[in-house]
Amino acid sequence: MSEARIEKLEEEISNLRELLTSITLSVHYRKDMAFEASLSYNQIAGEARTALTLVLGSIQSRAEEEAPNQVRHPEILERFPVIAEAQMVGSIDLAEAIRLVARIVGNQERAYQLLKAHQESGFGVQAYKKLGLGLD
């Protein structure tokens, strides 16, 4: 078996482990772990989860009118150029936040639901309120 094939299989196993952990947590905690449940439901793991986390952090920083932390790992930036776009300095609105997250998760409806779940889990509550994403 080639080294590249082995690496790919190891990555797939790692992603499956993360998904299993997310599913286990979401089933066990449900509403307490809304973000984990949402990640599990949308099957987001591995590098996509890392990219999503970085984008969400940048969105929160920008909503709080702070400069986002800069990621300098060419591998992930190459695979997910949306990270660099999310890290741009300047204000952000809810529409742009949804658009950025949608580039990772596939569509705007999923993006909106993930943002809500992230907020419901207690992450960036004030930042999301500033974006107009208030809890119902």
N, C-alpha and C. Protein backbone atom coordinates (compact mmCIF):
# COMPACT_ATOMS: atom_id res chain seq x y z
N MET A 1 0.84 -1.17 0.00
CA MET A 1 0.00 0.00 0.00
C MET A 1 0.89 1.24 0.00
N SER A 2 0.52 2.21 -0.78
CA SER A 2 1.35 3.41 -0.86
C SER A 2 1.21 4.26 0.40
N GLU A 3 2.23 5.05 0.64
CA GLU A 3 2.24 5.92 1.82
C GLU A 3 1.09 6.93 1.77
N ALA A 4 0.80 7.45 0.59
CA ALA A 4 -0.30 8.41 0.43
C ALA A 4 -1.64 7.76 0.76
N ARG A 5 -1.82 6.54 0.33
CA ARG A 5 -3.06 5.81 0.59
C ARG A 5 -3.22 5.55 2.09
N ILE A 6 -2.15 5.19 2.75
CA ILE A 6 -2.19 4.95 4.19
C ILE A 6 -2.54 6.24 4.93
N GLU A 7 -1.93 7.36 4.52
CA GLU A 7 -2.24 8.65 5.13
C GLU A 7 -3.71 8.99 4.97
N LYS A 8 -4.24 8.78 3.77
CA LYS A 8 -5.65 9.07 3.50
C LYS A 8 -6.56 8.21 4.37
N LEU A 9 -6.24 6.94 4.51
CA LEU A 9 -7.03 6.05 5.36
C LEU A 9 -6.97 6.47 6.83
N GLU A 10 -5.79 6.88 7.28
CA GLU A 10 -5.65 7.35 8.66
C GLU A 10 -6.49 8.60 8.89
N GLU A 11 -6.51 9.49 7.92
CA GLU A 11 -7.32 10.71 8.03
C GLU A 11 -8.81 10.35 8.07
N GLU A 12 -9.23 9.43 7.23
CA GLU A 12 -10.63 9.00 7.22
C GLU A 12 -11.02 8.38 8.55
N ILE A 13 -10.16 7.56 9.12
CA ILE A 13 -10.42 6.96 10.43
C ILE A 13 -10.54 8.04 11.49
N SER A 14 -9.65 9.00 11.46
CA SER A 14 -9.70 10.11 12.41
C SER A 14 -11.02 10.88 12.27
N ASN A 15 -11.42 11.15 11.04
CA ASN A 15 -12.68 11.86 10.81
C ASN A 15 -13.87 11.06 11.34
N LEU A 16 -13.85 9.76 11.12
CA LEU A 16 -14.94 8.91 11.61
C LEU A 16 -14.98 8.88 13.13
N ARG A 17 -13.82 8.89 13.76
CA ARG A 17 -13.77 8.93 15.23
C ARG A 17 -14.39 10.24 15.74
N GLU A 18 -14.05 11.36 15.09
CA GLU A 18 -14.61 12.64 15.49
C GLU A 18 -16.13 12.64 15.31
N LEU A 19 -16.59 12.11 14.19
CA LEU A 19 -18.04 12.03 13.97
C LEU A 19 -18.71 11.19 15.04
N LEU A 20 -18.12 10.06 15.37
CA LEU A 20 -18.68 9.19 16.40
C LEU A 20 -18.74 9.91 17.74
N THR A 21 -17.69 10.63 18.08
CA THR A 21 -17.68 11.40 19.33
C THR A 21 -18.78 12.45 19.31
N SER A 22 -18.91 13.16 18.21
CA SER A 22 -19.95 14.18 18.09
C SER A 22 -21.34 13.57 18.23
N ILE A 23 -21.56 12.45 17.56
CA ILE A 23 -22.87 11.79 17.64
C ILE A 23 -23.15 11.35 19.07
N THR A 24 -22.16 10.77 19.71
CA THR A 24 -22.33 10.32 21.08
C THR A 24 -22.69 11.48 22.00
N LEU A 25 -21.95 12.58 21.86
CA LEU A 25 -22.23 13.75 22.70
C LEU A 25 -23.59 14.34 22.40
N SER A 26 -23.95 14.44 21.12
CA SER A 26 -25.23 15.05 20.77
C SER A 26 -26.40 14.21 21.25
N VAL A 27 -26.27 12.90 21.18
CA VAL A 27 -27.34 12.03 21.67
C VAL A 27 -27.43 12.13 23.19
N HIS A 28 -26.28 12.15 23.83
CA HIS A 28 -26.27 12.19 25.30
C HIS A 28 -26.74 13.53 25.85
N TYR A 29 -26.27 14.62 25.27
CA TYR A 29 -26.55 15.94 25.83
C TYR A 29 -27.64 16.71 25.10
N ARG A 30 -27.90 16.42 23.88
CA ARG A 30 -28.89 17.07 23.04
C ARG A 30 -28.80 18.59 23.13
N LYS A 31 -29.75 19.24 23.81
CA LYS A 31 -29.81 20.70 23.80
C LYS A 31 -28.59 21.34 24.45
N ASP A 32 -28.00 20.67 25.41
CA ASP A 32 -26.81 21.21 26.05
C ASP A 32 -25.63 21.28 25.09
N MET A 33 -25.68 20.45 24.06
CA MET A 33 -24.59 20.38 23.10
C MET A 33 -25.12 20.62 21.69
N ALA A 34 -25.84 21.71 21.52
CA ALA A 34 -26.49 22.00 20.24
C ALA A 34 -25.49 22.06 19.09
N PHE A 35 -24.32 22.63 19.34
CA PHE A 35 -23.33 22.76 18.28
C PHE A 35 -22.78 21.39 17.89
N GLU A 36 -22.48 20.54 18.87
CA GLU A 36 -22.02 19.19 18.57
C GLU A 36 -23.08 18.42 17.79
N ALA A 37 -24.33 18.57 18.19
CA ALA A 37 -25.42 17.90 17.48
C ALA A 37 -25.49 18.38 16.04
N SER A 38 -25.33 19.68 15.84
CA SER A 38 -25.39 20.25 14.50
C SER A 38 -24.22 19.77 13.64
N LEU A 39 -23.03 19.70 14.23
CA LEU A 39 -21.88 19.19 13.50
C LEU A 39 -22.11 17.74 13.09
N SER A 40 -22.66 16.97 14.02
CA SER A 40 -22.93 15.57 13.74
C SER A 40 -23.98 15.43 12.65
N TYR A 41 -25.06 16.15 12.77
CA TYR A 41 -26.15 16.08 11.80
C TYR A 41 -25.65 16.43 10.39
N ASN A 42 -24.79 17.44 10.31
CA ASN A 42 -24.27 17.89 9.02
C ASN A 42 -22.99 17.17 8.61
N GLN A 43 -22.56 16.19 9.40
CA GLN A 43 -21.38 15.38 9.13
C GLN A 43 -20.14 16.22 8.85
N ILE A 44 -19.89 17.15 9.76
CA ILE A 44 -18.72 18.03 9.64
C ILE A 44 -17.67 17.56 10.64
N ALA A 45 -16.52 17.16 10.10
CA ALA A 45 -15.44 16.66 10.95
C ALA A 45 -14.10 16.95 10.28
N GLY A 46 -13.03 16.62 10.97
CA GLY A 46 -11.70 16.75 10.39
C GLY A 46 -11.33 18.18 10.04
N GLU A 47 -10.73 18.34 8.87
CA GLU A 47 -10.28 19.66 8.44
C GLU A 47 -11.45 20.63 8.25
N ALA A 48 -12.59 20.12 7.81
CA ALA A 48 -13.75 20.99 7.64
C ALA A 48 -14.19 21.56 8.99
N ARG A 49 -14.14 20.76 10.03
CA ARG A 49 -14.50 21.23 11.37
C ARG A 49 -13.48 22.26 11.85
N THR A 50 -12.22 22.01 11.61
CA THR A 50 -11.18 22.97 11.98
C THR A 50 -11.40 24.29 11.25
N ALA A 51 -11.64 24.22 9.96
CA ALA A 51 -11.89 25.42 9.17
C ALA A 51 -13.11 26.16 9.68
N LEU A 52 -14.17 25.44 9.98
CA LEU A 52 -15.39 26.06 10.49
C LEU A 52 -15.12 26.76 11.82
N THR A 53 -14.38 26.12 12.69
CA THR A 53 -14.05 26.72 13.98
C THR A 53 -13.25 28.01 13.80
N LEU A 54 -12.30 28.00 12.87
CA LEU A 54 -11.51 29.20 12.61
C LEU A 54 -12.37 30.32 12.03
N VAL A 55 -13.27 29.98 11.13
CA VAL A 55 -14.16 30.97 10.53
C VAL A 55 -15.10 31.53 11.60
N LEU A 56 -15.66 30.68 12.45
CA LEU A 56 -16.56 31.15 13.50
C LEU A 56 -15.83 32.08 14.47
N GLY A 57 -14.59 31.75 14.80
CA GLY A 57 -13.80 32.63 15.68
C GLY A 57 -13.56 33.99 15.05
N SER A 58 -13.28 34.00 13.76
CA SER A 58 -13.06 35.27 13.05
C SER A 58 -14.34 36.08 12.98
N ILE A 59 -15.46 35.42 12.75
CA ILE A 59 -16.75 36.11 12.70
C ILE A 59 -17.03 36.77 14.05
N GLN A 60 -16.80 36.02 15.12
CA GLN A 60 -17.04 36.58 16.45
C GLN A 60 -16.14 37.78 16.73
N SER A 61 -14.87 37.67 16.39
CA SER A 61 -13.94 38.78 16.60
C SER A 61 -14.41 40.02 15.84
N ARG A 62 -14.76 39.83 14.59
CA ARG A 62 -15.19 40.96 13.77
C ARG A 62 -16.49 41.56 14.28
N ALA A 63 -17.41 40.72 14.78
CA ALA A 63 -18.66 41.23 15.34
C ALA A 63 -18.39 42.07 16.58
N GLU A 64 -17.36 41.69 17.32
CA GLU A 64 -16.97 42.44 18.52
C GLU A 64 -16.04 43.60 18.19
N GLU A 65 -15.85 43.84 16.89
CA GLU A 65 -15.00 44.91 16.36
C GLU A 65 -13.54 44.76 16.80
N GLU A 66 -13.10 43.51 16.83
CA GLU A 66 -11.71 43.20 17.13
C GLU A 66 -11.08 42.59 15.89
N ALA A 67 -9.76 42.67 15.81
CA ALA A 67 -9.06 42.04 14.68
C ALA A 67 -9.01 40.53 14.92
N PRO A 68 -9.42 39.75 13.94
CA PRO A 68 -9.37 38.29 14.11
C PRO A 68 -7.93 37.78 14.18
N ASN A 69 -7.74 36.68 14.88
CA ASN A 69 -6.44 36.01 14.88
C ASN A 69 -6.15 35.53 13.47
N GLN A 70 -4.91 35.63 13.07
CA GLN A 70 -4.52 35.24 11.71
C GLN A 70 -3.96 33.82 11.70
N VAL A 71 -4.49 33.00 10.81
CA VAL A 71 -4.00 31.64 10.61
C VAL A 71 -2.91 31.69 9.56
N ARG A 72 -1.80 31.05 9.83
CA ARG A 72 -0.68 31.10 8.89
C ARG A 72 -0.24 29.70 8.46
N HIS A 73 -1.17 28.81 8.37
CA HIS A 73 -0.87 27.44 7.93
C HIS A 73 -1.29 27.31 6.48
N PRO A 74 -0.33 27.34 5.55
CA PRO A 74 -0.66 27.34 4.13
C PRO A 74 -1.53 26.16 3.70
N GLU A 75 -1.35 25.00 4.35
CA GLU A 75 -2.12 23.83 3.93
C GLU A 75 -3.62 24.05 4.10
N ILE A 76 -4.03 24.52 5.27
CA ILE A 76 -5.47 24.69 5.50
C ILE A 76 -6.00 25.91 4.77
N LEU A 77 -5.18 26.96 4.64
CA LEU A 77 -5.62 28.14 3.90
C LEU A 77 -5.81 27.81 2.42
N GLU A 78 -4.97 26.94 1.90
CA GLU A 78 -5.09 26.54 0.50
C GLU A 78 -6.36 25.73 0.28
N ARG A 79 -6.64 24.85 1.20
CA ARG A 79 -7.83 23.99 1.08
C ARG A 79 -9.12 24.75 1.38
N PHE A 80 -9.06 25.72 2.30
CA PHE A 80 -10.23 26.50 2.71
C PHE A 80 -9.90 28.00 2.64
N PRO A 81 -9.90 28.57 1.44
CA PRO A 81 -9.57 30.00 1.31
C PRO A 81 -10.56 30.93 2.03
N VAL A 82 -11.71 30.40 2.39
CA VAL A 82 -12.69 31.19 3.12
C VAL A 82 -12.14 31.64 4.48
N ILE A 83 -11.18 30.90 5.02
CA ILE A 83 -10.59 31.29 6.31
C ILE A 83 -9.92 32.65 6.18
N ALA A 84 -9.13 32.83 5.14
CA ALA A 84 -8.45 34.12 4.94
C ALA A 84 -9.47 35.23 4.72
N GLU A 85 -10.53 34.92 4.01
CA GLU A 85 -11.58 35.92 3.78
C GLU A 85 -12.25 36.30 5.10
N ALA A 86 -12.51 35.32 5.95
CA ALA A 86 -13.15 35.58 7.24
C ALA A 86 -12.25 36.40 8.16
N GLN A 87 -10.92 36.29 7.97
CA GLN A 87 -9.98 36.98 8.84
C GLN A 87 -9.71 38.42 8.43
N MET A 88 -10.38 38.88 7.40
CA MET A 88 -10.19 40.27 6.98
C MET A 88 -10.63 41.19 8.12
N VAL A 89 -9.92 42.27 8.27
CA VAL A 89 -10.24 43.22 9.32
C VAL A 89 -11.42 44.06 8.86
N GLY A 90 -12.31 44.35 9.78
CA GLY A 90 -13.46 45.18 9.47
C GLY A 90 -14.73 44.58 10.03
N SER A 91 -15.78 45.37 10.00
CA SER A 91 -17.04 44.91 10.55
C SER A 91 -17.64 43.80 9.69
N ILE A 92 -18.62 43.14 10.26
CA ILE A 92 -19.29 42.04 9.57
C ILE A 92 -20.77 42.08 9.94
N ASP A 93 -21.61 41.67 9.02
CA ASP A 93 -23.03 41.58 9.33
C ASP A 93 -23.46 40.12 9.24
N LEU A 94 -24.70 39.85 9.62
CA LEU A 94 -25.19 38.48 9.66
C LEU A 94 -25.17 37.83 8.28
N ALA A 95 -25.53 38.58 7.25
CA ALA A 95 -25.55 38.03 5.89
C ALA A 95 -24.16 37.55 5.47
N GLU A 96 -23.13 38.34 5.78
CA GLU A 96 -21.78 37.92 5.43
C GLU A 96 -21.34 36.72 6.26
N ALA A 97 -21.70 36.71 7.54
CA ALA A 97 -21.36 35.57 8.40
C ALA A 97 -21.97 34.29 7.85
N ILE A 98 -23.22 34.35 7.45
CA ILE A 98 -23.89 33.18 6.88
C ILE A 98 -23.21 32.76 5.59
N ARG A 99 -22.87 33.72 4.75
CA ARG A 99 -22.22 33.41 3.48
C ARG A 99 -20.88 32.72 3.70
N LEU A 100 -20.10 33.20 4.66
CA LEU A 100 -18.79 32.60 4.95
C LEU A 100 -18.93 31.16 5.45
N VAL A 101 -19.83 30.95 6.38
CA VAL A 101 -20.03 29.61 6.92
C VAL A 101 -20.59 28.68 5.84
N ALA A 102 -21.46 29.20 5.00
CA ALA A 102 -22.05 28.39 3.92
C ALA A 102 -20.99 27.85 2.97
N ARG A 103 -19.91 28.57 2.81
CA ARG A 103 -18.83 28.09 1.93
C ARG A 103 -18.18 26.83 2.47
N ILE A 104 -18.33 26.57 3.74
CA ILE A 104 -17.79 25.34 4.34
C ILE A 104 -18.86 24.26 4.42
N VAL A 105 -20.07 24.64 4.81
CA VAL A 105 -21.11 23.64 5.09
C VAL A 105 -22.05 23.37 3.92
N GLY A 106 -21.95 24.12 2.86
CA GLY A 106 -22.70 23.78 1.65
C GLY A 106 -23.85 24.68 1.28
N ASN A 107 -24.56 25.23 2.24
CA ASN A 107 -25.65 26.15 1.88
C ASN A 107 -25.97 27.08 3.04
N GLN A 108 -26.73 28.12 2.73
CA GLN A 108 -27.00 29.16 3.73
C GLN A 108 -27.93 28.70 4.85
N GLU A 109 -28.84 27.81 4.55
CA GLU A 109 -29.74 27.32 5.61
C GLU A 109 -28.94 26.56 6.67
N ARG A 110 -28.06 25.68 6.22
CA ARG A 110 -27.19 24.95 7.17
C ARG A 110 -26.31 25.92 7.94
N ALA A 111 -25.78 26.90 7.23
CA ALA A 111 -24.91 27.88 7.87
C ALA A 111 -25.64 28.62 8.99
N TYR A 112 -26.86 29.05 8.71
CA TYR A 112 -27.66 29.76 9.71
C TYR A 112 -27.90 28.86 10.92
N GLN A 113 -28.27 27.60 10.66
CA GLN A 113 -28.54 26.66 11.76
C GLN A 113 -27.28 26.40 12.59
N LEU A 114 -26.13 26.31 11.94
CA LEU A 114 -24.88 26.12 12.68
C LEU A 114 -24.53 27.33 13.53
N LEU A 115 -24.75 28.52 13.00
CA LEU A 115 -24.50 29.73 13.77
C LEU A 115 -25.41 29.77 15.00
N LYS A 116 -26.69 29.43 14.81
CA LYS A 116 -27.63 29.41 15.94
C LYS A 116 -27.20 28.36 16.97
N ALA A 117 -26.82 27.18 16.50
CA ALA A 117 -26.40 26.11 17.42
C ALA A 117 -25.14 26.51 18.18
N HIS A 118 -24.23 27.19 17.49
CA HIS A 118 -22.99 27.65 18.14
C HIS A 118 -23.34 28.61 19.27
N GLN A 119 -24.24 29.53 18.98
CA GLN A 119 -24.67 30.49 20.00
C GLN A 119 -25.41 29.79 21.14
N GLU A 120 -26.31 28.86 20.80
CA GLU A 120 -27.08 28.14 21.82
C GLU A 120 -26.19 27.33 22.75
N SER A 121 -25.04 26.93 22.25
CA SER A 121 -24.10 26.17 23.08
C SER A 121 -23.25 27.08 23.96
N GLY A 122 -23.47 28.38 23.86
CA GLY A 122 -22.78 29.33 24.73
C GLY A 122 -21.53 29.96 24.15
N PHE A 123 -21.29 29.73 22.87
CA PHE A 123 -20.11 30.31 22.23
C PHE A 123 -20.46 31.66 21.59
N GLY A 124 -19.75 32.69 21.95
CA GLY A 124 -19.90 33.99 21.30
C GLY A 124 -21.27 34.60 21.37
N VAL A 125 -21.96 34.39 22.47
CA VAL A 125 -23.34 34.86 22.59
C VAL A 125 -23.45 36.35 22.30
N GLN A 126 -22.58 37.15 22.89
CA GLN A 126 -22.65 38.61 22.68
C GLN A 126 -22.32 38.99 21.24
N ALA A 127 -21.34 38.32 20.67
CA ALA A 127 -20.98 38.60 19.28
C ALA A 127 -22.16 38.30 18.36
N TYR A 128 -22.81 37.19 18.60
CA TYR A 128 -23.96 36.83 17.74
C TYR A 128 -25.12 37.79 17.95
N LYS A 129 -25.31 38.26 19.17
CA LYS A 129 -26.35 39.27 19.40
C LYS A 129 -26.06 40.54 18.60
N LYS A 130 -24.80 40.93 18.55
CA LYS A 130 -24.41 42.10 17.77
C LYS A 130 -24.68 41.89 16.28
N LEU A 131 -24.62 40.64 15.83
CA LEU A 131 -24.92 40.34 14.43
C LEU A 131 -26.43 40.29 14.19
N GLY A 132 -27.21 40.30 15.26
CA GLY A 132 -28.66 40.20 15.12
C GLY A 132 -29.16 38.78 15.16
N LEU A 133 -28.34 37.89 15.67
CA LEU A 133 -28.71 36.47 15.78
C LEU A 133 -29.09 36.21 17.22
N GLY A 134 -30.21 36.77 17.66
CA GLY A 134 -30.63 36.61 19.04
C GLY A 134 -31.24 35.25 19.26
N LEU A 135 -31.11 34.76 20.46
CA LEU A 135 -31.74 33.49 20.81
C LEU A 135 -33.23 33.70 20.90
N ASP A 136 -33.98 32.70 20.41
CA ASP A 136 -35.44 32.78 20.45
C ASP A 136 -35.95 32.47 21.84
